Amino acid sequence: MNLLNNADKVFQIITCLGLIALSACAPASYQDQVFTSKEGNFSILMPGSIVEEVNTPIKGITTRTWTAIKGESAYTVARSTFAKKIAAEKIPKILHALSEAANKSNFVNGKKIAESSVMKNGYKCLDFTLTGVPSPSLQAESKKNSININSKLMYQRSLLCIKDNQAVEALALLPSSEELKSKGASFIQSLNLK
């Protein structure tokens, strides 16, 4: 599979799986907890109760997603494993294509308000922030969990990282720019890749 040409499909799969986990969430507790994946390749500070979505392979990609809901905010971390190693020189283009796909998948006329490339423990990463009115699919999944985001301006902060044949993404979906700057930033910064 040519990951760069299929970036929209790959991001939609990852986003859809995270939204399924989002819709399955029970009311969250408000205590933050350090979450470490069973494989031990990352840890992150998750606010509230965590719901895990274990997925089967789709087009050579296996994704596992964990989501926590706190108020009108959703915090998700996803780990994807690809059938083949991704060449290091292709990773920046793939990261950029996936951030563009996120904007198209999650928002109606969304806007990218920040983007920077970073290295984190050997992973090439893209830290990006989007804003806009949530897409109909995002609104529908959120409504299933009694979160009303219809026609509201929402903010998404993501850190998407790729190394060899795996990707890890931390994503915070927040209702205000104030929460984006505080809670979104601290969530993203708490991602520890191993």
N, C-alpha and C. Protein backbone atom coordinates (compact mmCIF):
# COMPACT_ATOMS: atom_id res chain seq x y z
N MET A 1 0.85 -1.18 0.00
CA MET A 1 0.00 0.00 0.00
C MET A 1 0.89 1.24 0.00
N ASN A 2 0.57 2.18 -0.84
CA ASN A 2 1.30 3.43 -0.87
C ASN A 2 0.67 4.36 0.16
N LEU A 3 1.30 4.46 1.32
CA LEU A 3 0.74 5.21 2.45
C LEU A 3 0.52 6.68 2.12
N LEU A 4 1.44 7.28 1.36
CA LEU A 4 1.30 8.70 1.04
C LEU A 4 0.06 8.95 0.18
N ASN A 5 -0.17 8.12 -0.82
CA ASN A 5 -1.33 8.30 -1.70
C ASN A 5 -2.63 7.96 -1.01
N ASN A 6 -2.58 7.15 0.04
CA ASN A 6 -3.78 6.74 0.75
C ASN A 6 -3.90 7.40 2.12
N ALA A 7 -3.28 8.56 2.30
CA ALA A 7 -3.26 9.22 3.61
C ALA A 7 -4.66 9.50 4.13
N ASP A 8 -5.58 9.95 3.24
CA ASP A 8 -6.95 10.22 3.69
C ASP A 8 -7.60 8.97 4.25
N LYS A 9 -7.42 7.84 3.55
CA LYS A 9 -8.03 6.58 4.00
C LYS A 9 -7.41 6.12 5.31
N VAL A 10 -6.09 6.21 5.43
CA VAL A 10 -5.42 5.78 6.65
C VAL A 10 -5.87 6.63 7.82
N PHE A 11 -5.91 7.95 7.67
CA PHE A 11 -6.33 8.81 8.78
C PHE A 11 -7.78 8.56 9.12
N GLN A 12 -8.63 8.34 8.10
CA GLN A 12 -10.03 8.07 8.38
C GLN A 12 -10.19 6.78 9.18
N ILE A 13 -9.38 5.76 8.88
CA ILE A 13 -9.43 4.51 9.64
C ILE A 13 -9.05 4.78 11.08
N ILE A 14 -7.93 5.49 11.31
CA ILE A 14 -7.47 5.78 12.67
C ILE A 14 -8.48 6.65 13.40
N THR A 15 -8.99 7.69 12.73
CA THR A 15 -9.97 8.59 13.35
C THR A 15 -11.26 7.84 13.66
N CYS A 16 -11.73 7.05 12.72
CA CYS A 16 -12.97 6.31 12.92
C CYS A 16 -12.83 5.36 14.11
N LEU A 17 -11.71 4.68 14.22
CA LEU A 17 -11.52 3.75 15.33
C LEU A 17 -11.47 4.50 16.65
N GLY A 18 -10.87 5.67 16.67
CA GLY A 18 -10.86 6.48 17.88
C GLY A 18 -12.24 6.97 18.23
N LEU A 19 -13.04 7.30 17.23
CA LEU A 19 -14.40 7.76 17.47
C LEU A 19 -15.28 6.64 17.98
N ILE A 20 -15.05 5.42 17.50
CA ILE A 20 -15.80 4.28 18.02
C ILE A 20 -15.49 4.12 19.50
N ALA A 21 -14.23 4.24 19.86
CA ALA A 21 -13.86 4.16 21.28
C ALA A 21 -14.50 5.32 22.04
N LEU A 22 -14.51 6.50 21.43
CA LEU A 22 -15.12 7.67 22.06
C LEU A 22 -16.59 7.41 22.36
N SER A 23 -17.30 6.81 21.42
CA SER A 23 -18.72 6.59 21.63
C SER A 23 -19.00 5.51 22.65
N ALA A 24 -18.00 4.68 22.96
CA ALA A 24 -18.19 3.61 23.93
C ALA A 24 -17.82 4.03 25.35
N CYS A 25 -17.34 5.25 25.52
CA CYS A 25 -16.84 5.67 26.83
C CYS A 25 -17.94 5.80 27.86
N ALA A 26 -17.63 5.36 29.05
CA ALA A 26 -18.51 5.58 30.20
C ALA A 26 -18.14 6.93 30.80
N PRO A 27 -18.97 7.48 31.67
CA PRO A 27 -18.59 8.74 32.31
C PRO A 27 -17.21 8.63 32.95
N ALA A 28 -16.38 9.62 32.69
CA ALA A 28 -14.99 9.55 33.13
C ALA A 28 -14.82 10.07 34.55
N SER A 29 -13.85 9.48 35.24
CA SER A 29 -13.46 10.05 36.51
C SER A 29 -12.57 11.24 36.18
N TYR A 30 -12.29 12.10 37.13
CA TYR A 30 -11.52 13.29 36.81
C TYR A 30 -10.11 13.22 37.36
N GLN A 31 -9.60 12.02 37.57
CA GLN A 31 -8.24 11.88 38.04
C GLN A 31 -7.34 11.51 36.86
N ASP A 32 -6.25 12.25 36.71
CA ASP A 32 -5.29 11.93 35.67
C ASP A 32 -4.50 10.70 36.09
N GLN A 33 -4.13 9.90 35.10
CA GLN A 33 -3.34 8.71 35.39
C GLN A 33 -2.33 8.47 34.28
N VAL A 34 -1.16 7.98 34.66
CA VAL A 34 -0.16 7.63 33.67
C VAL A 34 -0.57 6.32 33.04
N PHE A 35 -0.71 6.33 31.74
CA PHE A 35 -1.08 5.12 31.00
C PHE A 35 0.14 4.67 30.20
N THR A 36 0.49 3.40 30.30
CA THR A 36 1.59 2.80 29.53
C THR A 36 1.01 1.68 28.69
N SER A 37 1.35 1.67 27.40
CA SER A 37 0.84 0.60 26.54
C SER A 37 1.38 -0.75 26.99
N LYS A 38 0.63 -1.81 26.71
CA LYS A 38 1.05 -3.16 27.08
C LYS A 38 2.39 -3.52 26.44
N GLU A 39 2.61 -2.99 25.24
CA GLU A 39 3.87 -3.25 24.54
C GLU A 39 5.02 -2.45 25.14
N GLY A 40 4.67 -1.43 25.93
CA GLY A 40 5.68 -0.64 26.62
C GLY A 40 6.40 0.39 25.77
N ASN A 41 5.87 0.66 24.56
CA ASN A 41 6.59 1.60 23.70
C ASN A 41 6.18 3.06 23.87
N PHE A 42 5.18 3.34 24.72
CA PHE A 42 4.86 4.72 25.04
C PHE A 42 4.10 4.78 26.36
N SER A 43 4.12 5.98 26.95
CA SER A 43 3.28 6.28 28.10
C SER A 43 2.77 7.70 27.92
N ILE A 44 1.64 8.01 28.58
CA ILE A 44 1.03 9.32 28.46
C ILE A 44 0.15 9.55 29.67
N LEU A 45 -0.02 10.80 30.05
CA LEU A 45 -0.89 11.16 31.16
C LEU A 45 -2.31 11.34 30.62
N MET A 46 -3.21 10.40 30.98
CA MET A 46 -4.59 10.42 30.48
C MET A 46 -5.51 10.96 31.57
N PRO A 47 -6.38 11.91 31.21
CA PRO A 47 -7.34 12.45 32.19
C PRO A 47 -8.61 11.62 32.22
N GLY A 48 -8.86 10.93 33.30
CA GLY A 48 -10.12 10.19 33.44
C GLY A 48 -10.01 8.73 33.10
N SER A 49 -11.17 8.07 33.04
CA SER A 49 -11.24 6.64 32.74
C SER A 49 -10.91 6.41 31.28
N ILE A 50 -10.22 5.31 31.02
CA ILE A 50 -9.74 5.02 29.67
C ILE A 50 -10.52 3.85 29.10
N VAL A 51 -10.96 4.01 27.85
CA VAL A 51 -11.59 2.93 27.11
C VAL A 51 -10.62 2.51 26.02
N GLU A 52 -10.36 1.20 25.91
CA GLU A 52 -9.44 0.69 24.90
C GLU A 52 -10.23 0.08 23.77
N GLU A 53 -9.84 0.38 22.57
CA GLU A 53 -10.41 -0.22 21.37
C GLU A 53 -9.31 -1.04 20.71
N VAL A 54 -9.44 -2.33 20.71
CA VAL A 54 -8.46 -3.22 20.06
C VAL A 54 -9.00 -3.52 18.67
N ASN A 55 -8.16 -3.34 17.69
CA ASN A 55 -8.61 -3.47 16.32
C ASN A 55 -7.90 -4.59 15.59
N THR A 56 -8.54 -5.08 14.58
CA THR A 56 -7.93 -6.08 13.72
C THR A 56 -7.26 -5.38 12.55
N PRO A 57 -6.35 -6.06 11.88
CA PRO A 57 -5.65 -5.42 10.76
C PRO A 57 -6.60 -4.98 9.64
N ILE A 58 -6.35 -3.78 9.12
CA ILE A 58 -7.09 -3.24 7.99
C ILE A 58 -6.05 -2.75 6.98
N LYS A 59 -6.02 -3.37 5.82
CA LYS A 59 -5.09 -2.99 4.74
C LYS A 59 -3.66 -2.91 5.24
N GLY A 60 -3.24 -3.90 6.02
CA GLY A 60 -1.85 -3.96 6.49
C GLY A 60 -1.54 -3.07 7.67
N ILE A 61 -2.56 -2.44 8.26
CA ILE A 61 -2.36 -1.55 9.41
C ILE A 61 -3.17 -2.09 10.58
N THR A 62 -2.50 -2.31 11.70
CA THR A 62 -3.19 -2.70 12.92
C THR A 62 -3.13 -1.53 13.88
N THR A 63 -4.28 -1.10 14.36
CA THR A 63 -4.36 0.07 15.24
C THR A 63 -5.04 -0.29 16.55
N ARG A 64 -4.48 0.22 17.62
CA ARG A 64 -5.07 0.08 18.95
C ARG A 64 -5.26 1.51 19.47
N THR A 65 -6.45 1.83 19.98
CA THR A 65 -6.79 3.19 20.39
C THR A 65 -7.28 3.20 21.83
N TRP A 66 -6.85 4.21 22.58
CA TRP A 66 -7.31 4.42 23.96
C TRP A 66 -7.86 5.84 24.04
N THR A 67 -9.04 6.01 24.65
CA THR A 67 -9.69 7.31 24.73
C THR A 67 -10.19 7.58 26.14
N ALA A 68 -10.10 8.84 26.55
CA ALA A 68 -10.66 9.30 27.82
C ALA A 68 -11.47 10.56 27.53
N ILE A 69 -12.61 10.69 28.20
CA ILE A 69 -13.47 11.86 28.05
C ILE A 69 -13.44 12.63 29.36
N LYS A 70 -13.30 13.94 29.25
CA LYS A 70 -13.35 14.80 30.43
C LYS A 70 -14.15 16.04 30.05
N GLY A 71 -15.37 16.13 30.57
CA GLY A 71 -16.25 17.24 30.19
C GLY A 71 -16.58 17.17 28.72
N GLU A 72 -16.35 18.25 27.99
CA GLU A 72 -16.59 18.28 26.55
C GLU A 72 -15.33 18.00 25.74
N SER A 73 -14.31 17.50 26.40
CA SER A 73 -13.03 17.22 25.73
C SER A 73 -12.80 15.73 25.60
N ALA A 74 -12.13 15.35 24.52
CA ALA A 74 -11.76 13.95 24.30
C ALA A 74 -10.25 13.88 24.13
N TYR A 75 -9.64 12.89 24.77
CA TYR A 75 -8.20 12.67 24.70
C TYR A 75 -7.97 11.25 24.19
N THR A 76 -7.24 11.13 23.11
CA THR A 76 -7.02 9.84 22.47
C THR A 76 -5.55 9.63 22.21
N VAL A 77 -5.12 8.40 22.39
CA VAL A 77 -3.78 8.00 21.96
C VAL A 77 -3.97 6.72 21.15
N ALA A 78 -3.31 6.66 20.00
CA ALA A 78 -3.42 5.51 19.11
C ALA A 78 -2.04 5.02 18.72
N ARG A 79 -1.91 3.70 18.65
CA ARG A 79 -0.67 3.08 18.20
C ARG A 79 -1.01 2.23 16.99
N SER A 80 -0.34 2.49 15.88
CA SER A 80 -0.56 1.73 14.65
C SER A 80 0.73 1.02 14.25
N THR A 81 0.57 -0.20 13.77
CA THR A 81 1.69 -0.97 13.26
C THR A 81 1.42 -1.26 11.79
N PHE A 82 2.40 -0.94 10.94
CA PHE A 82 2.27 -1.16 9.51
C PHE A 82 2.94 -2.47 9.13
N ALA A 83 2.45 -3.08 8.06
CA ALA A 83 2.99 -4.36 7.61
C ALA A 83 4.46 -4.24 7.21
N LYS A 84 4.86 -3.08 6.73
CA LYS A 84 6.23 -2.87 6.27
C LYS A 84 6.83 -1.63 6.92
N LYS A 85 8.14 -1.63 7.03
CA LYS A 85 8.89 -0.48 7.55
C LYS A 85 8.74 0.69 6.57
N ILE A 86 8.58 1.88 7.11
CA ILE A 86 8.48 3.09 6.28
C ILE A 86 9.86 3.71 6.17
N ALA A 87 10.28 3.98 4.96
CA ALA A 87 11.59 4.58 4.72
C ALA A 87 11.66 5.95 5.39
N ALA A 88 12.74 6.20 6.09
CA ALA A 88 12.90 7.44 6.87
C ALA A 88 12.70 8.70 6.03
N GLU A 89 13.16 8.67 4.79
CA GLU A 89 13.04 9.87 3.95
C GLU A 89 11.60 10.15 3.53
N LYS A 90 10.70 9.16 3.63
CA LYS A 90 9.30 9.36 3.27
C LYS A 90 8.44 9.84 4.44
N ILE A 91 8.93 9.70 5.64
CA ILE A 91 8.12 10.00 6.83
C ILE A 91 7.64 11.46 6.87
N PRO A 92 8.48 12.48 6.61
CA PRO A 92 7.95 13.86 6.67
C PRO A 92 6.77 14.09 5.71
N LYS A 93 6.83 13.55 4.50
CA LYS A 93 5.73 13.72 3.55
C LYS A 93 4.48 13.00 4.04
N ILE A 94 4.65 11.83 4.61
CA ILE A 94 3.52 11.08 5.13
C ILE A 94 2.88 11.82 6.30
N LEU A 95 3.69 12.34 7.22
CA LEU A 95 3.16 13.10 8.35
C LEU A 95 2.35 14.30 7.88
N HIS A 96 2.88 15.02 6.90
CA HIS A 96 2.18 16.20 6.38
C HIS A 96 0.85 15.78 5.73
N ALA A 97 0.88 14.71 4.94
CA ALA A 97 -0.35 14.23 4.28
C ALA A 97 -1.38 13.81 5.31
N LEU A 98 -0.95 13.16 6.39
CA LEU A 98 -1.88 12.74 7.43
C LEU A 98 -2.47 13.93 8.18
N SER A 99 -1.69 14.99 8.38
CA SER A 99 -2.24 16.19 9.05
C SER A 99 -3.29 16.86 8.16
N GLU A 100 -3.05 16.87 6.85
CA GLU A 100 -4.04 17.42 5.92
C GLU A 100 -5.30 16.57 5.92
N ALA A 101 -5.12 15.25 5.96
CA ALA A 101 -6.27 14.34 6.01
C ALA A 101 -7.07 14.54 7.29
N ALA A 102 -6.39 14.80 8.40
CA ALA A 102 -7.07 15.04 9.68
C ALA A 102 -7.96 16.27 9.57
N ASN A 103 -7.46 17.30 8.95
CA ASN A 103 -8.23 18.53 8.79
C ASN A 103 -9.48 18.27 7.97
N LYS A 104 -9.33 17.53 6.87
CA LYS A 104 -10.48 17.24 6.00
C LYS A 104 -11.47 16.29 6.66
N SER A 105 -10.97 15.33 7.43
CA SER A 105 -11.84 14.31 8.04
C SER A 105 -12.61 14.83 9.24
N ASN A 106 -11.99 15.69 10.04
CA ASN A 106 -12.58 16.09 11.33
C ASN A 106 -13.32 17.41 11.32
N PHE A 107 -13.08 18.25 10.31
CA PHE A 107 -13.67 19.59 10.32
C PHE A 107 -14.26 19.97 8.98
N VAL A 108 -15.30 20.82 9.03
CA VAL A 108 -15.86 21.43 7.84
C VAL A 108 -15.12 22.75 7.68
N ASN A 109 -14.44 22.93 6.57
CA ASN A 109 -13.64 24.13 6.34
C ASN A 109 -12.69 24.41 7.50
N GLY A 110 -12.01 23.35 7.96
CA GLY A 110 -11.06 23.49 9.06
C GLY A 110 -9.85 24.32 8.68
N LYS A 111 -9.16 24.77 9.69
CA LYS A 111 -7.99 25.62 9.48
C LYS A 111 -6.84 25.09 10.34
N LYS A 112 -5.68 24.98 9.73
CA LYS A 112 -4.48 24.60 10.49
C LYS A 112 -3.90 25.88 11.07
N ILE A 113 -3.78 25.94 12.41
CA ILE A 113 -3.29 27.17 13.04
C ILE A 113 -1.85 27.04 13.54
N ALA A 114 -1.31 25.83 13.54
CA ALA A 114 0.09 25.64 13.92
C ALA A 114 0.57 24.29 13.42
N GLU A 115 1.87 24.23 13.11
CA GLU A 115 2.47 22.97 12.68
C GLU A 115 3.98 23.07 12.86
N SER A 116 4.57 22.03 13.46
CA SER A 116 6.03 22.00 13.57
C SER A 116 6.51 20.56 13.56
N SER A 117 7.65 20.35 12.93
CA SER A 117 8.29 19.04 12.90
C SER A 117 9.22 18.92 14.09
N VAL A 118 9.17 17.78 14.76
CA VAL A 118 10.01 17.54 15.93
C VAL A 118 10.52 16.10 15.91
N MET A 119 11.62 15.87 16.61
CA MET A 119 12.14 14.52 16.84
C MET A 119 11.87 14.20 18.30
N LYS A 120 11.42 12.98 18.56
CA LYS A 120 11.14 12.57 19.92
C LYS A 120 11.58 11.12 20.07
N ASN A 121 12.67 10.90 20.80
CA ASN A 121 13.20 9.55 21.07
C ASN A 121 13.32 8.69 19.81
N GLY A 122 13.87 9.27 18.75
CA GLY A 122 14.09 8.54 17.52
C GLY A 122 12.91 8.52 16.56
N TYR A 123 11.78 9.04 16.99
CA TYR A 123 10.60 9.13 16.13
C TYR A 123 10.60 10.49 15.44
N LYS A 124 10.22 10.51 14.15
CA LYS A 124 9.97 11.77 13.46
C LYS A 124 8.51 12.10 13.71
N CYS A 125 8.26 13.33 14.16
CA CYS A 125 6.91 13.71 14.58
C CYS A 125 6.46 15.01 13.93
N LEU A 126 5.15 15.17 13.87
CA LEU A 126 4.54 16.42 13.44
C LEU A 126 3.55 16.82 14.53
N ASP A 127 3.77 17.99 15.10
CA ASP A 127 2.90 18.56 16.12
C ASP A 127 2.04 19.60 15.40
N PHE A 128 0.72 19.38 15.38
CA PHE A 128 -0.13 20.31 14.64
C PHE A 128 -1.42 20.61 15.40
N THR A 129 -1.97 21.79 15.11
CA THR A 129 -3.21 22.24 15.74
C THR A 129 -4.18 22.66 14.65
N LEU A 130 -5.41 22.17 14.79
CA LEU A 130 -6.48 22.46 13.83
C LEU A 130 -7.65 23.09 14.57
N THR A 131 -8.46 23.82 13.84
CA THR A 131 -9.70 24.36 14.41
C THR A 131 -10.76 24.42 13.34
N GLY A 132 -12.01 24.39 13.78
CA GLY A 132 -13.12 24.48 12.85
C GLY A 132 -14.37 23.89 13.46
N VAL A 133 -15.42 23.88 12.66
CA VAL A 133 -16.68 23.24 13.06
C VAL A 133 -16.52 21.75 12.77
N PRO A 134 -16.82 20.90 13.73
CA PRO A 134 -16.64 19.46 13.54
C PRO A 134 -17.44 18.93 12.34
N SER A 135 -16.86 17.94 11.67
CA SER A 135 -17.52 17.30 10.54
C SER A 135 -18.77 16.55 11.03
N PRO A 136 -19.71 16.26 10.14
CA PRO A 136 -20.91 15.52 10.54
C PRO A 136 -20.59 14.17 11.21
N SER A 137 -19.57 13.47 10.74
CA SER A 137 -19.24 12.17 11.36
C SER A 137 -18.70 12.35 12.77
N LEU A 138 -17.89 13.37 13.00
CA LEU A 138 -17.37 13.63 14.34
C LEU A 138 -18.51 14.08 15.26
N GLN A 139 -19.43 14.90 14.75
CA GLN A 139 -20.58 15.33 15.54
C GLN A 139 -21.45 14.14 15.95
N ALA A 140 -21.69 13.23 15.01
CA ALA A 140 -22.56 12.08 15.29
C ALA A 140 -21.94 11.17 16.35
N GLU A 141 -20.65 10.89 16.25
CA GLU A 141 -20.00 10.02 17.24
C GLU A 141 -19.96 10.69 18.61
N SER A 142 -19.71 11.98 18.64
CA SER A 142 -19.68 12.70 19.92
C SER A 142 -21.05 12.73 20.57
N LYS A 143 -22.09 12.89 19.77
CA LYS A 143 -23.46 12.94 20.29
C LYS A 143 -23.84 11.62 20.98
N LYS A 144 -23.32 10.49 20.47
CA LYS A 144 -23.59 9.18 21.08
C LYS A 144 -23.09 9.13 22.52
N ASN A 145 -22.11 9.97 22.83
CA ASN A 145 -21.55 10.01 24.18
C ASN A 145 -22.04 11.23 24.96
N SER A 146 -23.14 11.81 24.49
CA SER A 146 -23.76 12.98 25.12
C SER A 146 -22.85 14.20 25.15
N ILE A 147 -21.98 14.31 24.18
CA ILE A 147 -21.15 15.51 24.03
C ILE A 147 -21.70 16.27 22.83
N ASN A 148 -22.25 17.45 23.06
CA ASN A 148 -22.84 18.23 21.99
C ASN A 148 -21.80 19.19 21.42
N ILE A 149 -21.26 18.82 20.27
CA ILE A 149 -20.29 19.70 19.61
C ILE A 149 -20.83 20.25 18.31
N ASN A 150 -22.14 20.07 18.06
CA ASN A 150 -22.75 20.55 16.83
C ASN A 150 -22.53 22.05 16.67
N SER A 151 -22.02 22.42 15.53
CA SER A 151 -21.82 23.81 15.14
C SER A 151 -20.95 24.62 16.09
N LYS A 152 -20.26 23.97 17.00
CA LYS A 152 -19.33 24.68 17.89
C LYS A 152 -17.95 24.71 17.23
N LEU A 153 -17.24 25.75 17.51
CA LEU A 153 -15.86 25.82 17.09
C LEU A 153 -15.06 24.91 18.03
N MET A 154 -14.34 23.95 17.49
CA MET A 154 -13.55 23.01 18.29
C MET A 154 -12.08 23.13 17.88
N TYR A 155 -11.21 22.64 18.75
CA TYR A 155 -9.77 22.69 18.53
C TYR A 155 -9.21 21.28 18.67
N GLN A 156 -8.29 20.94 17.79
CA GLN A 156 -7.62 19.64 17.85
C GLN A 156 -6.12 19.87 17.91
N ARG A 157 -5.48 19.30 18.92
CA ARG A 157 -4.02 19.34 19.02
C ARG A 157 -3.55 17.91 18.89
N SER A 158 -2.63 17.67 17.97
CA SER A 158 -2.13 16.32 17.70
C SER A 158 -0.62 16.29 17.64
N LEU A 159 -0.07 15.20 18.12
CA LEU A 159 1.34 14.88 17.93
C LEU A 159 1.36 13.51 17.29
N LEU A 160 1.74 13.46 16.02
CA LEU A 160 1.77 12.23 15.24
C LEU A 160 3.22 11.87 14.97
N CYS A 161 3.63 10.68 15.39
CA CYS A 161 5.03 10.27 15.32
C CYS A 161 5.16 8.93 14.60
N ILE A 162 6.17 8.81 13.74
CA ILE A 162 6.42 7.56 13.00
C ILE A 162 7.88 7.17 13.13
N LYS A 163 8.10 5.86 13.33
CA LYS A 163 9.44 5.29 13.35
C LYS A 163 9.33 3.86 12.83
N ASP A 164 10.15 3.52 11.86
CA ASP A 164 10.16 2.19 11.26
C ASP A 164 8.77 1.79 10.79
N ASN A 165 8.14 0.80 11.44
CA ASN A 165 6.84 0.33 10.99
C ASN A 165 5.73 0.66 12.00
N GLN A 166 5.95 1.68 12.82
CA GLN A 166 4.91 2.02 13.79
C GLN A 166 4.69 3.53 13.89
N ALA A 167 3.46 3.86 14.26
CA ALA A 167 3.08 5.26 14.47
C ALA A 167 2.37 5.36 15.81
N VAL A 168 2.57 6.47 16.48
CA VAL A 168 1.87 6.78 17.72
C VAL A 168 1.32 8.19 17.57
N GLU A 169 0.03 8.35 17.90
CA GLU A 169 -0.57 9.68 17.84
C GLU A 169 -1.28 9.98 19.14
N ALA A 170 -1.01 11.16 19.68
CA ALA A 170 -1.76 11.71 20.82
C ALA A 170 -2.61 12.82 20.24
N LEU A 171 -3.91 12.82 20.58
CA LEU A 171 -4.85 13.77 20.01
C LEU A 171 -5.78 14.27 21.11
N ALA A 172 -5.89 15.58 21.23
CA ALA A 172 -6.83 16.19 22.17
C ALA A 172 -7.83 17.01 21.37
N LEU A 173 -9.12 16.77 21.59
CA LEU A 173 -10.19 17.52 20.95
C LEU A 173 -10.84 18.36 22.05
N LEU A 174 -10.75 19.68 21.90
CA LEU A 174 -11.10 20.59 23.00
C LEU A 174 -12.07 21.68 22.54
N PRO A 175 -12.93 22.16 23.47
CA PRO A 175 -13.96 23.15 23.10
C PRO A 175 -13.51 24.61 23.15
N SER A 176 -12.29 24.91 23.61
CA SER A 176 -11.90 26.33 23.69
C SER A 176 -10.40 26.49 23.46
N SER A 177 -10.03 27.69 23.03
CA SER A 177 -8.61 27.97 22.81
C SER A 177 -7.85 27.99 24.14
N GLU A 178 -8.53 28.34 25.23
CA GLU A 178 -7.89 28.34 26.55
C GLU A 178 -7.51 26.91 26.96
N GLU A 179 -8.46 25.97 26.76
CA GLU A 179 -8.15 24.57 27.08
C GLU A 179 -7.08 24.01 26.14
N LEU A 180 -7.10 24.46 24.89
CA LEU A 180 -6.08 24.04 23.93
C LEU A 180 -4.69 24.40 24.45
N LYS A 181 -4.55 25.63 24.94
CA LYS A 181 -3.24 26.11 25.40
C LYS A 181 -2.79 25.44 26.69
N SER A 182 -3.72 25.08 27.55
CA SER A 182 -3.32 24.48 28.83
C SER A 182 -3.43 22.96 28.79
N LYS A 183 -4.64 22.45 28.76
CA LYS A 183 -4.84 21.00 28.82
C LYS A 183 -4.34 20.27 27.58
N GLY A 184 -4.57 20.85 26.42
CA GLY A 184 -4.09 20.23 25.18
C GLY A 184 -2.58 20.15 25.15
N ALA A 185 -1.94 21.24 25.51
CA ALA A 185 -0.47 21.27 25.51
C ALA A 185 0.11 20.30 26.52
N SER A 186 -0.45 20.24 27.73
CA SER A 186 0.11 19.33 28.73
C SER A 186 -0.12 17.87 28.35
N PHE A 187 -1.25 17.56 27.72
CA PHE A 187 -1.51 16.20 27.26
C PHE A 187 -0.48 15.79 26.21
N ILE A 188 -0.28 16.62 25.21
CA ILE A 188 0.67 16.32 24.14
C ILE A 188 2.08 16.20 24.70
N GLN A 189 2.48 17.11 25.58
CA GLN A 189 3.82 17.08 26.15
C GLN A 189 4.06 15.87 27.03
N SER A 190 2.98 15.25 27.54
CA SER A 190 3.17 14.10 28.43
C SER A 190 3.45 12.80 27.66
N LEU A 191 3.32 12.82 26.33
CA LEU A 191 3.60 11.61 25.55
C LEU A 191 5.08 11.29 25.62
N ASN A 192 5.38 10.10 26.12
CA ASN A 192 6.76 9.64 26.25
C ASN A 192 6.93 8.41 25.36
N LEU A 193 7.72 8.55 24.31
CA LEU A 193 7.95 7.44 23.38
C LEU A 193 9.21 6.68 23.77
N LYS A 194 9.16 5.36 23.63
CA LYS A 194 10.30 4.52 24.00
C LYS A 194 10.78 3.71 22.82
